[in-house]
Protein backbone atom coordinates (compact mmCIF):
# COMPACT_ATOMS: atom_id res chain seq x y z
CA MET A 1 -5.45 3.56 25.90
CA TYR A 2 -3.32 2.70 23.03
CA ASP A 3 -1.20 0.01 21.50
CA LEU A 4 2.27 0.64 20.09
CA PRO A 5 3.23 -0.87 16.88
CA MET A 6 5.30 -3.84 16.99
CA THR A 7 6.83 -3.59 13.82
CA ASN A 8 8.93 -1.36 11.37
CA ILE A 9 9.10 -2.81 7.82
CA ASN A 10 10.68 -1.45 4.88
CA ASN A 11 9.91 -3.34 1.93
CA ASN A 12 12.93 -2.63 -0.08
CA ASN A 13 15.97 -4.62 2.17
CA ILE A 14 14.18 -5.37 5.37
CA VAL A 15 13.44 -9.29 5.86
CA ALA A 16 10.63 -10.23 7.73
CA SER A 17 9.82 -13.59 9.47
CA SER A 18 7.13 -14.07 7.00
CA SER A 19 8.51 -12.88 3.81
CA THR A 20 11.60 -12.92 1.92
CA VAL A 21 13.41 -10.09 -0.35
CA LEU A 22 15.45 -10.53 -2.82
CA SER A 23 17.15 -8.07 -5.30
CA ILE A 24 18.70 -9.48 -8.10
CA PRO A 25 21.26 -7.21 -10.30
CA SER A 26 21.72 -7.27 -14.06
CA THR A 27 23.90 -5.45 -16.39
CA ASN A 28 21.32 -5.91 -19.20
CA SER A 29 18.98 -3.45 -18.75
CA VAL A 30 19.49 0.40 -18.07
CA GLN A 31 16.00 0.74 -16.86
CA LEU A 32 17.05 -1.89 -14.08
CA GLN A 33 20.03 0.65 -12.91
CA GLN A 34 17.73 3.53 -12.61
CA SER A 35 15.09 1.47 -10.62
CA LEU A 36 17.37 0.31 -8.26
CA GLN A 37 19.15 3.55 -7.81
CA GLN A 38 15.54 5.17 -6.92
CA SER A 39 15.26 2.24 -4.96
CA GLU A 40 18.27 2.64 -2.72
CA SER A 41 17.59 6.38 -2.60
CA GLY A 42 14.38 5.68 -0.87
CA CYS A 43 12.16 7.06 -3.91
CA ILE A 44 9.24 4.16 -2.59
CA LYS A 45 5.86 5.06 -3.69
CA GLU A 46 2.12 3.68 -4.01
CA GLY A 47 1.98 1.79 -7.53
CA LEU A 48 -0.64 -0.29 -9.10
CA ILE A 49 -0.78 -4.15 -9.73
CA ARG A 50 0.94 -3.94 -13.55
CA CYS A 51 0.30 -7.94 -14.04
CA ILE A 52 -1.02 -11.02 -12.42
CA PHE A 53 0.52 -14.26 -13.98
CA LEU A 54 0.35 -18.02 -12.96
CA SER A 55 3.52 -19.83 -13.06
CA LYS A 56 3.53 -23.96 -12.53
CA PHE A 57 6.47 -26.63 -12.57
CA HIS A 58 5.86 -29.09 -15.68
CA PRO A 59 7.44 -32.34 -14.99
CA THR A 60 9.47 -32.42 -18.36
CA GLU A 61 9.42 -28.55 -19.24
CA GLY A 62 10.27 -27.14 -15.86
CA SER A 63 8.86 -24.10 -14.60
CA LYS A 64 6.97 -21.77 -17.08
CA ILE A 65 4.36 -19.28 -16.96
CA SER A 66 0.76 -21.00 -17.64
CA CYS A 67 -1.49 -17.75 -17.79
CA GLN A 68 -0.70 -13.97 -17.45
CA VAL A 69 -2.93 -10.66 -17.76
CA PRO A 70 -2.25 -8.63 -19.58
CA GLU A 71 -0.82 -11.23 -22.11
CA ASN A 72 3.60 -11.03 -22.52
CA PHE A 73 3.66 -8.35 -19.85
CA ILE A 74 6.43 -10.67 -18.36
CA SER A 75 9.38 -11.42 -21.13
CA LYS A 76 11.15 -14.49 -21.43
CA GLU A 77 14.37 -12.31 -20.62
CA ILE A 78 12.64 -11.48 -17.60
CA PHE A 79 10.84 -15.03 -16.70
CA ASP A 80 14.57 -16.94 -16.84
CA ALA A 81 16.05 -14.64 -14.74
CA VAL A 82 13.70 -15.30 -12.03
CA ASN A 83 12.22 -18.64 -12.66
CA VAL A 84 14.52 -20.42 -9.67
CA TYR A 85 12.57 -18.21 -7.29
CA ILE A 86 9.28 -18.22 -8.81
CA ILE A 87 8.96 -22.18 -7.99
CA PRO A 88 11.87 -22.36 -5.34
CA LYS A 89 13.18 -25.15 -3.46
CA PRO A 90 10.97 -26.53 -0.63
CA GLN A 91 12.51 -24.49 2.37
CA LEU A 92 11.14 -21.17 0.72
CA GLN A 93 7.69 -22.67 -0.02
CA ARG A 94 4.60 -21.09 1.54
CA CYS A 95 6.38 -17.53 2.47
CA VAL A 96 5.64 -14.33 0.53
CA MET A 97 8.84 -13.48 -1.64
CA THR A 98 9.32 -10.44 -3.43
CA VAL A 99 12.24 -10.36 -6.69
CA ASN A 100 13.22 -7.36 -7.40
CA THR A 101 14.69 -7.39 -11.42
CA LEU A 102 14.56 -5.61 -14.47
CA GLY A 103 12.71 -2.88 -13.47
CA VAL A 104 10.03 -4.96 -11.87
CA LYS A 105 9.14 -6.27 -8.32
CA ILE A 106 7.58 -9.40 -8.58
CA LEU A 107 5.53 -10.86 -5.43
CA GLY A 108 4.55 -14.46 -5.14
CA TYR A 109 3.63 -17.44 -2.81
CA PRO A 110 5.32 -20.45 -3.94
CA VAL A 111 3.02 -23.67 -3.21
CA LYS A 112 4.24 -27.58 -3.35
CA ILE A 113 1.05 -29.73 -2.75
CA ASP A 114 2.31 -33.12 -2.04
CA SER A 115 0.72 -36.02 -3.53
CA GLN A 116 1.18 -39.37 -5.20
CA LYS A 117 -1.67 -38.31 -8.36
CA TYR A 118 1.02 -35.85 -9.45
CA ALA A 119 3.96 -36.70 -11.51
CA ARG A 120 6.99 -36.61 -9.09
CA ASN A 121 4.66 -36.65 -6.10
CA ALA A 122 3.88 -32.94 -6.12
CA PHE A 123 2.11 -30.14 -7.67
CA TYR A 124 4.24 -26.60 -7.70
CA PHE A 125 2.79 -23.17 -8.38
CA ASN A 126 3.02 -19.87 -7.58
CA LEU A 127 0.17 -16.83 -8.36
CA CYS A 128 2.40 -13.64 -8.72
CA PHE A 129 1.46 -9.96 -8.70
CA VAL A 130 4.32 -7.43 -10.46
CA CYS A 131 4.46 -4.19 -9.92
CA ASP A 132 7.29 -1.53 -11.00
CA ALA A 133 10.51 -1.84 -9.17
CA VAL A 134 9.86 1.31 -7.42
CA SER A 135 6.66 0.74 -6.09
CA ARG A 136 5.17 -0.48 -2.63
CA THR A 137 3.97 -3.57 -2.23
CA ASN A 138 3.51 -4.75 1.37
CA GLN A 139 0.08 -3.98 1.18
CA TYR A 140 -0.65 -6.70 -1.43
CA GLU A 141 1.28 -9.68 0.98
CA PRO A 142 -1.70 -10.51 2.68
CA VAL A 143 -3.49 -10.44 -0.81
CA VAL A 144 -1.10 -12.69 -2.51
CA LYS A 145 -1.01 -15.22 0.52
CA LYS A 146 -5.24 -15.38 0.91
CA LEU A 147 -5.56 -16.12 -2.72
CA SER A 148 -3.03 -18.68 -3.39
CA GLU A 149 -4.61 -20.54 -0.07
CA TYR A 150 -8.05 -20.16 -1.99
CA LEU A 151 -6.24 -22.12 -5.24
CA ILE A 152 -4.81 -24.41 -2.75
CA ILE A 153 -8.42 -25.37 -1.68
CA MET A 154 -9.72 -25.70 -4.69
CA GLU A 155 -6.83 -27.32 -6.54
CA GLU A 156 -6.87 -30.18 -3.30
CA GLU A 157 -10.62 -30.30 -3.92
CA SER A 158 -11.43 -30.25 -7.55
CA GLU A 159 -7.84 -30.16 -9.40
CA PHE A 160 -8.65 -26.72 -10.46
CA LEU A 161 -5.10 -25.91 -11.48
CA SER A 162 -3.38 -29.11 -12.70
CA LYS A 163 -6.18 -30.12 -14.79
CA ILE A 164 -7.73 -26.76 -15.94
CA ASP A 165 -8.08 -27.27 -20.08
CA ASP A 166 -10.02 -23.72 -20.69
CA LYS A 167 -7.07 -21.12 -20.52
CA ILE A 168 -9.76 -18.58 -20.92
CA ARG A 169 -11.24 -19.52 -17.66
CA LEU A 170 -8.48 -18.51 -15.82
CA GLN A 171 -7.61 -15.79 -17.64
CA ARG A 172 -11.17 -13.70 -17.12
CA LEU A 173 -10.58 -14.82 -13.17
CA LEU A 174 -6.87 -13.20 -13.43
CA GLU A 175 -8.67 -10.20 -15.41
CA LYS A 176 -11.09 -9.55 -12.73
CA ILE A 177 -8.74 -9.82 -9.80
CA LEU A 178 -6.53 -7.09 -11.82
CA ASN A 179 -8.97 -4.62 -12.67
CA ASP A 180 -11.20 -5.11 -9.38
CA LEU A 181 -7.94 -4.33 -6.79
CA ASN A 182 -6.47 -1.53 -9.01
CA VAL A 183 -9.82 0.36 -9.33
CA ASN A 184 -11.95 -0.61 -6.08
CA MET A 185 -9.21 -2.45 -3.87
CA VAL A 186 -11.71 -4.92 -3.15
CA THR A 187 -13.17 -7.75 -5.43
CA THR A 188 -15.22 -10.92 -4.58
CA ILE A 189 -14.32 -14.23 -6.51
CA LEU A 190 -17.17 -16.97 -7.42
CA GLU A 191 -15.90 -19.79 -8.79
CA SER A 192 -18.13 -22.80 -9.11
CA GLU A 193 -19.30 -23.35 -5.09
CA TYR A 194 -16.02 -21.29 -4.08
CA THR A 195 -16.03 -17.70 -3.00
CA ILE A 196 -13.44 -15.39 -1.32
CA ASN A 197 -13.39 -11.76 -0.65
CA LEU A 198 -10.12 -9.65 -1.26
CA LYS A 199 -9.22 -6.46 0.08
CA ILE A 200 -6.35 -4.44 -0.19
CA VAL A 201 -5.59 -2.47 3.05
CA ILE A 202 -2.51 0.39 2.93
CA PRO A 203 -0.62 -0.37 5.99
CA PRO A 204 -0.20 3.07 8.25
CA PRO A 205 3.27 4.91 8.17
CA ASP A 206 5.76 3.68 10.86
CA PRO A 207 5.61 5.65 13.77
CA THR A 208 7.82 8.83 14.40
CA LEU A 209 10.92 8.75 15.62
CA ILE A 210 11.02 10.65 19.02
CA LEU A 211 14.04 12.79 19.78
CA ASP A 212 14.42 14.30 23.32
CA GLN A 213 14.08 18.13 22.00
CA MET A 214 10.87 17.29 20.27
CA VAL A 215 7.69 19.65 21.95
CA PRO A 216 4.40 17.61 22.13
CA LEU A 217 1.38 19.77 21.71
CA LEU A 218 -2.15 17.95 22.31
CA LYS A 219 -4.73 18.60 19.69
CA THR A 220 -7.83 20.66 20.71
CA GLU A 221 -10.17 17.71 20.22
CA TYR A 222 -8.69 15.89 22.30
CA LYS A 223 -8.45 18.26 25.36
CA SER A 224 -11.78 17.59 26.70
CA ILE A 225 -11.44 14.07 27.56
CA PRO A 226 -11.39 13.43 31.14
CA VAL A 227 -7.96 12.87 32.49
CA ASP A 228 -9.04 9.47 34.25
CA SER A 229 -9.91 7.82 30.33
CA TRP A 230 -6.14 7.99 29.52
CA ASP A 231 -3.47 5.00 30.72
CA LEU A 232 -1.48 5.81 33.92
CA THR A 233 1.50 7.06 32.00
CA THR A 234 -0.45 9.98 29.75
CA GLN A 235 -2.15 10.66 33.05
CA GLN A 236 1.19 11.84 34.38
CA ILE A 237 2.65 13.61 31.62
CA LEU A 238 -0.36 15.18 30.42
CA PRO A 239 0.01 18.53 32.40
CA TYR A 240 3.37 19.02 30.96
CA ILE A 241 2.37 18.68 27.21
CA ASP A 242 1.54 22.57 26.73
CA GLY A 243 3.31 23.23 23.44
CA ASN A 244 6.35 24.69 25.31
CA ASN A 245 7.79 21.45 27.32
CA HIS A 246 10.07 19.51 25.06
CA ILE A 247 10.47 15.79 25.96
CA SER A 248 13.22 15.54 28.08
CA ARG A 249 11.71 18.35 30.34
CA ILE A 250 8.87 16.40 30.53
CA ALA A 251 10.20 13.20 31.78
CA ALA A 252 12.34 15.55 34.31
CA SER A 253 9.15 17.31 35.47
CA ALA A 254 6.54 14.50 35.66
CA ASP A 255 9.50 12.04 37.22
CA VAL A 256 8.88 9.60 34.52
CA ASP A 257 11.94 7.65 32.78
CA LEU A 258 12.90 9.23 29.59
CA ASN A 259 12.52 6.25 27.06
CA LEU A 260 9.00 5.71 28.65
CA VAL A 261 7.95 9.22 28.02
CA LYS A 262 8.79 8.83 24.24
CA ASN A 263 7.21 5.48 23.94
CA CYS A 264 4.40 7.12 25.43
CA ILE A 265 4.61 10.17 23.17
CA GLN A 266 5.36 8.09 19.89
CA ASN A 267 1.80 6.34 20.38
CA LEU A 268 0.02 9.68 20.97
CA ALA A 269 1.69 10.96 17.74
CA TYR A 270 0.84 7.76 15.51
CA TYR A 271 -2.76 8.27 16.22
CA SER A 272 -2.65 11.99 15.76
CA VAL A 273 -3.71 12.76 19.46
CA VAL A 274 -0.44 15.04 19.69
CA GLN A 275 1.39 17.19 17.33
CA LEU A 276 5.33 17.24 17.70
CA LEU A 277 6.87 20.57 17.10
CA PRO A 278 10.72 22.37 17.65
CA ILE A 279 11.44 23.98 20.89
CA LEU A 280 10.26 27.76 21.01
CA LYS A 281 12.91 29.94 21.65
CA TYR A 282 13.45 33.99 20.58
CA SER A 283 16.77 33.26 18.89
CA ASN A 284 15.09 30.71 16.64
CA VAL A 285 14.61 31.58 13.02
CA TYR A 286 11.70 30.84 10.81
CA MET A 287 10.70 30.90 7.20
CA CYS A 288 7.32 31.43 6.14
CA THR A 289 5.93 28.86 3.56
CA GLN A 290 3.56 28.50 0.62
CA ASN A 291 0.74 27.84 2.90
CA LEU A 292 0.32 31.09 4.44
CA LYS A 293 -1.64 31.93 1.86
CA ASN A 294 -4.52 29.60 3.18
CA LEU A 295 -4.62 32.04 6.18
CA CYS A 296 -6.24 34.68 3.55
CA LYS A 297 -8.36 32.42 1.77
CA ASN A 298 -10.02 30.47 4.61
CA THR A 299 -12.10 32.63 6.77
CA ALA A 300 -12.61 29.52 9.29
CA LEU A 301 -9.23 29.29 9.76
CA TYR A 302 -8.38 33.04 10.16
CA ALA A 303 -11.30 33.27 13.01
CA ALA A 304 -9.68 30.22 14.67
CA CYS A 305 -6.22 31.96 14.56
CA LYS A 306 -7.25 35.33 16.21
CA LYS A 307 -9.31 33.37 18.73
CA TYR A 308 -6.05 31.26 19.65
CA VAL A 309 -3.25 34.01 19.15
CA SER A 310 -5.21 36.84 21.38
CA LEU A 311 -3.28 37.81 24.26
CA LYS A 312 -6.15 39.06 26.17
CA PRO A 313 -9.51 37.18 24.89
CA ASP A 314 -11.68 40.04 26.48
CA ARG A 315 -10.13 42.49 24.19
CA TYR A 316 -10.53 43.29 20.64
CA ARG A 317 -9.01 40.80 18.17
CA PRO A 318 -5.74 41.36 15.96
CA SER A 319 -6.79 41.93 12.46
CA LEU A 320 -5.74 39.75 9.59
CA GLN A 321 -3.03 42.60 8.77
CA LYS A 322 -1.21 42.48 11.84
CA VAL A 323 -0.93 38.89 11.92
CA PHE A 324 -0.10 38.31 8.43
CA GLN A 325 2.67 40.99 8.74
CA PHE A 326 4.16 38.86 11.63
CA TYR A 327 4.50 35.70 9.65
CA ALA A 328 5.76 37.42 6.41
CA SER A 329 8.32 38.87 8.25
CA MET A 330 9.80 35.57 9.01
CA THR A 331 12.81 34.70 6.62
CA HIS A 332 16.20 33.73 6.77
CA GLY A 333 18.51 35.60 9.35
CA ILE A 334 15.69 37.34 11.34
CA THR A 335 15.35 36.17 14.50
CA LEU A 336 11.86 35.65 16.45
CA ARG A 337 13.38 38.36 18.78
CA SER A 338 14.02 40.70 16.17
CA ILE A 339 10.63 40.40 14.72
CA CYS A 340 8.99 41.15 18.15
CA GLN A 341 11.17 44.04 18.83
CA ARG A 342 10.31 45.67 15.28
CA LEU A 343 6.41 44.35 15.45
CA SER A 344 5.49 44.84 19.22
CA PRO A 345 2.90 42.30 18.78
CA GLN A 346 1.90 42.66 22.34
CA HIS A 347 0.51 46.14 21.63
CA ASN A 348 -1.73 44.41 19.05
CA ASN A 349 -3.17 41.86 21.54
CA ILE A 350 -1.12 39.10 20.01
CA ASP A 351 0.92 36.44 22.01
CA GLU A 352 3.76 36.01 19.75
CA ARG A 353 4.18 32.39 21.38
CA LYS A 354 0.71 31.20 20.32
CA LEU A 355 1.31 32.91 17.36
CA VAL A 356 4.32 30.70 16.24
CA ILE A 357 2.86 27.66 17.39
CA PHE A 358 -0.19 28.20 15.36
CA GLY A 359 1.80 28.63 12.33
CA LEU A 360 3.97 25.29 13.26
CA GLN A 361 0.78 23.66 13.50
CA HIS A 362 -0.52 24.82 10.04
CA SER A 363 2.41 24.77 8.33
CA PHE A 364 2.21 28.43 7.58
CA ILE A 365 6.07 28.77 8.58
CA ARG A 366 9.00 26.30 9.49
CA CYS A 367 11.74 26.42 11.80
CA ILE A 368 15.26 27.28 10.35
CA HIS A 369 17.92 24.78 12.74
CA LYS A 370 21.18 25.65 13.20
CA TYR A 371 23.80 22.12 12.68
CA PRO A 372 27.52 22.73 14.10
CA VAL A 373 30.15 21.04 12.05
CA PHE A 374 33.68 20.44 13.61
CA THR A 375 36.12 20.44 10.94
CA GLY A 376 39.39 19.88 13.43
CA THR A 377 41.23 16.71 13.60
CA VAL A 378 40.71 15.47 17.30
CA PRO A 379 37.32 16.43 18.43
CA ASN A 380 36.45 16.34 22.37
CA ASP A 381 33.38 14.97 24.02
CA ARG A 382 31.10 17.74 23.11
CA GLN A 383 32.35 18.36 19.53
CA LYS A 384 31.71 14.55 18.44
CA PHE A 385 28.08 15.81 18.39
CA TYR A 386 29.41 18.50 15.78
CA THR A 387 29.09 16.47 12.81
CA GLY A 388 26.25 18.84 11.35
CA ILE A 389 23.73 15.76 11.69
CA TYR A 390 22.54 16.80 15.20
CA ASN A 391 20.88 20.63 15.68
CA PHE A 392 21.83 22.88 18.74
CA ASP A 393 18.57 21.94 20.24
CA GLU A 394 18.99 18.45 20.08
CA ILE A 395 22.59 18.93 21.43
CA CYS A 396 21.40 20.93 24.32
CA CYS A 397 19.17 18.38 25.33
CA LYS A 398 21.42 15.36 24.69
CA LEU A 399 24.26 17.13 26.92
CA GLY A 400 22.24 18.91 29.24
CA LEU A 401 23.51 22.50 28.46
CA SER A 402 21.84 25.79 27.93
CA LEU A 403 21.90 27.37 24.31
CA SER A 404 23.95 30.25 25.31
CA ASN A 405 26.59 27.26 26.53
CA ILE A 406 26.95 26.01 23.03
CA GLU A 407 26.81 28.90 21.30
CA ASN A 408 29.57 30.45 23.30
CA ASP A 409 31.86 27.27 22.49
CA ILE A 410 31.44 27.47 19.19
CA ASP A 411 32.51 31.33 19.01
CA LEU A 412 35.53 30.56 20.60
CA ASP A 413 36.53 27.77 18.61
CA THR A 414 37.61 28.64 14.63
CA ASN A 415 37.40 24.69 13.74
CA ILE A 416 33.69 24.80 13.97
CA SER A 417 31.26 26.01 11.38
CA VAL A 418 27.20 26.34 11.35
CA ILE A 419 24.80 25.36 8.73
CA TRP A 420 21.44 26.95 8.55
CA LYS A 421 18.87 24.47 7.00
């Protein structure tokens, strides 16, 4: 029914087959160092196109910018630092290149047109988009490539770039592209008899990494879909996707390979068909979030909550006060078991398990996980997982052990500390 995405591109440090990413360090700019630190820490954000410029190779003067908007945005210092990559060697022609230096990220598609009518029998140019150094630019790659291919056609048929005398004409063209793409994310260019439509398409986020201990929950709007409408793998595991079974248990119960189940759930999560939750246990510790206020403000949300968490639908619906009290009692150091013992949710017609699931679905609460850390010298096979990276749920699924088994092991070992986060 669905197709899994086949590529996973991080615009900072992964070189795809059709693009090249370069990072050029320099000690001349404090701004550069700050930008690189932000980039390395993963602070990538969506950003506007700051500048568009056209660079050409002059047979005697070398590489230079023939037109840019806004004017003088790319200084001589920046261009001199990157000009060998703006007009690169033939091996890098006709591929998308991203150069990150001096606080800016330059995205280009260098082109070489071979012909005896040009000096040195070739014409080199590169139309470049400029963004902030920490901005994501992979959404602009198809636009830069398509626009460059459009300019190639115009150059081959009318020598639009090599013999253009009216700089204002080209500048107005680039200004229109810059403004339309930043404001509307789409533009139409009509130059003589040549027309081209450009559109920026924001790529979807990368698929969620599926772990053994994750619990998938089918969203309400998809529950009415007939079973035979799903693909074969989904049909086999669908009866076990109930908000309680984790990935490993689903694979074992449905007798389906674990990796196949992960791929299937990843696909469903990517298209927002299922939501991924932590394993629900009475020993869990939850904490309410600021989104809990939405339960009081949104009457439709509260009505849906009452209907979902009612233990017996034919009886009275639980009151907002009792539901809110249950959520508000969740904090550090208080387990779900102790809250149930104190508030007796079943006496108020509340199914505490559904209440937790509903709270996680709408981000009213979040789960506080426990991470064991081994501080000794030589860890055994089990202690190799006690690194502070794996939480208790993940360790239980990986080792096939119960939670009590792990907790007893940790309680008896003074070289193990537990972090809550």
